[in-house]
Amino acid sequence: MKVYRVAMALAILGLLLLLAVMGTGVCYPHPFFTIGTLAGMGCMFLSLPLFFIAWIGQLRQSVKTKQYGWALCIAIFGIFLIVRGLLQIW
């Protein structure tokens, strides 16, 4: 579950950075906009694979403790989210 906490911390940090950029009202040539947006989007981008790794770990832990129903629910929900995201791209 440490991976999940790191992913959540990165996502929150990224959102806070982006909200700070929006709250100040600066635009492109300003250095805070350039650095803040890049750092905020970078944190959000790094949190996504970590959430996926945490999801795989949770699925593995459910199978390991023989909670097959819970593992099936996690797998179906995860596959649904992945397929939904891919269909939105196309």
C-alpha atoms as a PDB file:
ATOM      1  CA  MET A   1       0.000   0.000   0.000  1.00  0.00           C
ATOM      2  CA  LYS A   2       3.024   2.301   0.107  1.00  0.00           C
ATOM      3  CA  VAL A   3       2.865   2.605  -3.674  1.00  0.00           C
ATOM      4  CA  TYR A   4      -0.730   3.796  -3.417  1.00  0.00           C
ATOM      5  CA  ARG A   5       0.222   6.460  -0.866  1.00  0.00           C
ATOM      6  CA  VAL A   6       3.085   7.718  -3.028  1.00  0.00           C
ATOM      7  CA  ALA A   7       0.798   7.815  -6.066  1.00  0.00           C
ATOM      8  CA  MET A   8      -1.857   9.712  -4.117  1.00  0.00           C
ATOM      9  CA  ALA A   9       0.716  12.172  -2.768  1.00  0.00           C
ATOM     10  CA  LEU A  10       2.058  12.823  -6.279  1.00  0.00           C
ATOM     11  CA  ALA A  11      -1.447  13.307  -7.666  1.00  0.00           C
ATOM     12  CA  ILE A  12      -2.377  15.746  -4.892  1.00  0.00           C
ATOM     13  CA  LEU A  13       0.901  17.632  -5.315  1.00  0.00           C
ATOM     14  CA  GLY A  14       0.293  17.902  -9.049  1.00  0.00           C
ATOM     15  CA  LEU A  15      -3.249  19.171  -8.551  1.00  0.00           C
ATOM     16  CA  LEU A  16      -2.099  21.700  -5.960  1.00  0.00           C
ATOM     17  CA  LEU A  17       0.602  22.997  -8.301  1.00  0.00           C
ATOM     18  CA  LEU A  18      -1.880  23.348 -11.139  1.00  0.00           C
ATOM     19  CA  LEU A  19      -4.392  25.082  -8.853  1.00  0.00           C
ATOM     20  CA  ALA A  20      -1.656  27.459  -7.688  1.00  0.00           C
ATOM     21  CA  VAL A  21      -0.848  28.332 -11.298  1.00  0.00           C
ATOM     22  CA  MET A  22      -4.516  28.928 -12.070  1.00  0.00           C
ATOM     23  CA  GLY A  23      -5.051  30.860  -8.841  1.00  0.00           C
ATOM     24  CA  THR A  24      -2.249  33.323  -9.541  1.00  0.00           C
ATOM     25  CA  GLY A  25      -3.597  34.102 -12.994  1.00  0.00           C
ATOM     26  CA  VAL A  26      -0.211  34.172 -14.712  1.00  0.00           C
ATOM     27  CA  CYS A  27       0.072  33.290 -18.387  1.00  0.00           C
ATOM     28  CA  TYR A  28       2.663  31.754 -20.722  1.00  0.00           C
ATOM     29  CA  PRO A  29       5.742  33.949 -20.691  1.00  0.00           C
ATOM     30  CA  HIS A  30       5.810  34.009 -16.890  1.00  0.00           C
ATOM     31  CA  PRO A  31       8.347  31.545 -15.394  1.00  0.00           C
ATOM     32  CA  PHE A  32       5.926  30.385 -12.673  1.00  0.00           C
ATOM     33  CA  PHE A  33       3.452  29.310 -15.343  1.00  0.00           C
ATOM     34  CA  THR A  34       6.105  27.388 -17.268  1.00  0.00           C
ATOM     35  CA  ILE A  35       7.682  25.667 -14.268  1.00  0.00           C
ATOM     36  CA  GLY A  36       4.454  25.176 -12.273  1.00  0.00           C
ATOM     37  CA  THR A  37       2.536  23.672 -15.172  1.00  0.00           C
ATOM     38  CA  LEU A  38       5.398  21.384 -16.133  1.00  0.00           C
ATOM     39  CA  ALA A  39       5.898  20.191 -12.548  1.00  0.00           C
ATOM     40  CA  GLY A  40       2.161  19.755 -11.923  1.00  0.00           C
ATOM     41  CA  MET A  41       1.539  17.789 -15.101  1.00  0.00           C
ATOM     42  CA  GLY A  42       4.706  15.762 -14.468  1.00  0.00           C
ATOM     43  CA  CYS A  43       3.485  14.761 -11.008  1.00  0.00           C
ATOM     44  CA  MET A  44       0.106  13.775 -12.426  1.00  0.00           C
ATOM     45  CA  PHE A  45       1.788  11.787 -15.208  1.00  0.00           C
ATOM     46  CA  LEU A  46       4.036   9.935 -12.741  1.00  0.00           C
ATOM     47  CA  SER A  47       1.130   9.065 -10.449  1.00  0.00           C
ATOM     48  CA  LEU A  48      -0.811   7.153 -13.114  1.00  0.00           C
ATOM     49  CA  PRO A  49       1.603   4.206 -13.506  1.00  0.00           C
ATOM     50  CA  LEU A  50       1.972   4.080  -9.729  1.00  0.00           C
ATOM     51  CA  PHE A  51      -1.811   3.773  -9.355  1.00  0.00           C
ATOM     52  CA  PHE A  52      -1.721   0.926 -11.873  1.00  0.00           C
ATOM     53  CA  ILE A  53       1.052  -0.821  -9.929  1.00  0.00           C
ATOM     54  CA  ALA A  54      -0.941  -0.389  -6.704  1.00  0.00           C
ATOM     55  CA  TRP A  55      -4.003  -1.868  -8.416  1.00  0.00           C
ATOM     56  CA  ILE A  56      -1.996  -4.912  -9.542  1.00  0.00           C
ATOM     57  CA  GLY A  57      -0.631  -5.288  -6.004  1.00  0.00           C
ATOM     58  CA  GLN A  58      -4.124  -5.135  -4.519  1.00  0.00           C
ATOM     59  CA  LEU A  59      -5.315  -7.737  -7.011  1.00  0.00           C
ATOM     60  CA  ARG A  60      -2.358  -9.975  -6.174  1.00  0.00           C
ATOM     61  CA  GLN A  61      -2.987  -9.602  -2.437  1.00  0.00           C
ATOM     62  CA  SER A  62      -6.648 -10.561  -2.894  1.00  0.00           C
ATOM     63  CA  VAL A  63      -5.686 -13.725  -4.752  1.00  0.00           C
ATOM     64  CA  LYS A  64      -2.998 -14.511  -2.182  1.00  0.00           C
ATOM     65  CA  THR A  65      -5.527 -14.336   0.690  1.00  0.00           C
ATOM     66  CA  LYS A  66      -7.986 -16.428  -1.347  1.00  0.00           C
ATOM     67  CA  GLN A  67     -10.597 -13.694  -1.675  1.00  0.00           C
ATOM     68  CA  TYR A  68     -11.438 -14.685  -5.208  1.00  0.00           C
ATOM     69  CA  GLY A  69     -14.730 -12.771  -5.341  1.00  0.00           C
ATOM     70  CA  TRP A  70     -13.011  -9.526  -4.366  1.00  0.00           C
ATOM     71  CA  ALA A  71     -10.190 -10.205  -6.838  1.00  0.00           C
ATOM     72  CA  LEU A  72     -12.736 -10.768  -9.602  1.00  0.00           C
ATOM     73  CA  CYS A  73     -14.513  -7.496  -8.752  1.00  0.00           C
ATOM     74  CA  ILE A  74     -11.218  -5.575  -8.781  1.00  0.00           C
ATOM     75  CA  ALA A  75     -10.202  -7.136 -12.099  1.00  0.00           C
ATOM     76  CA  ILE A  76     -13.562  -6.485 -13.798  1.00  0.00           C
ATOM     77  CA  PHE A  77     -13.674  -2.888 -12.568  1.00  0.00           C
ATOM     78  CA  GLY A  78     -10.084  -2.263 -13.667  1.00  0.00           C
ATOM     79  CA  ILE A  79     -10.652  -3.760 -17.111  1.00  0.00           C
ATOM     80  CA  PHE A  80     -13.831  -1.690 -17.451  1.00  0.00           C
ATOM     81  CA  LEU A  81     -11.932   1.514 -16.676  1.00  0.00           C
ATOM     82  CA  ILE A  82      -9.124   0.666 -19.093  1.00  0.00           C
ATOM     83  CA  VAL A  83     -11.517  -0.219 -21.926  1.00  0.00           C
ATOM     84  CA  ARG A  84     -13.613   2.890 -21.268  1.00  0.00           C
ATOM     85  CA  GLY A  85     -10.502   5.051 -21.417  1.00  0.00           C
ATOM     86  CA  LEU A  86      -9.353   3.452 -24.655  1.00  0.00           C
ATOM     87  CA  LEU A  87     -12.781   3.901 -26.252  1.00  0.00           C
ATOM     88  CA  GLN A  88     -12.737   7.607 -25.386  1.00  0.00           C
ATOM     89  CA  ILE A  89      -9.436   7.998 -27.211  1.00  0.00           C
ATOM     90  CA  TRP A  90     -10.856   6.540 -30.417  1.00  0.00           C
END
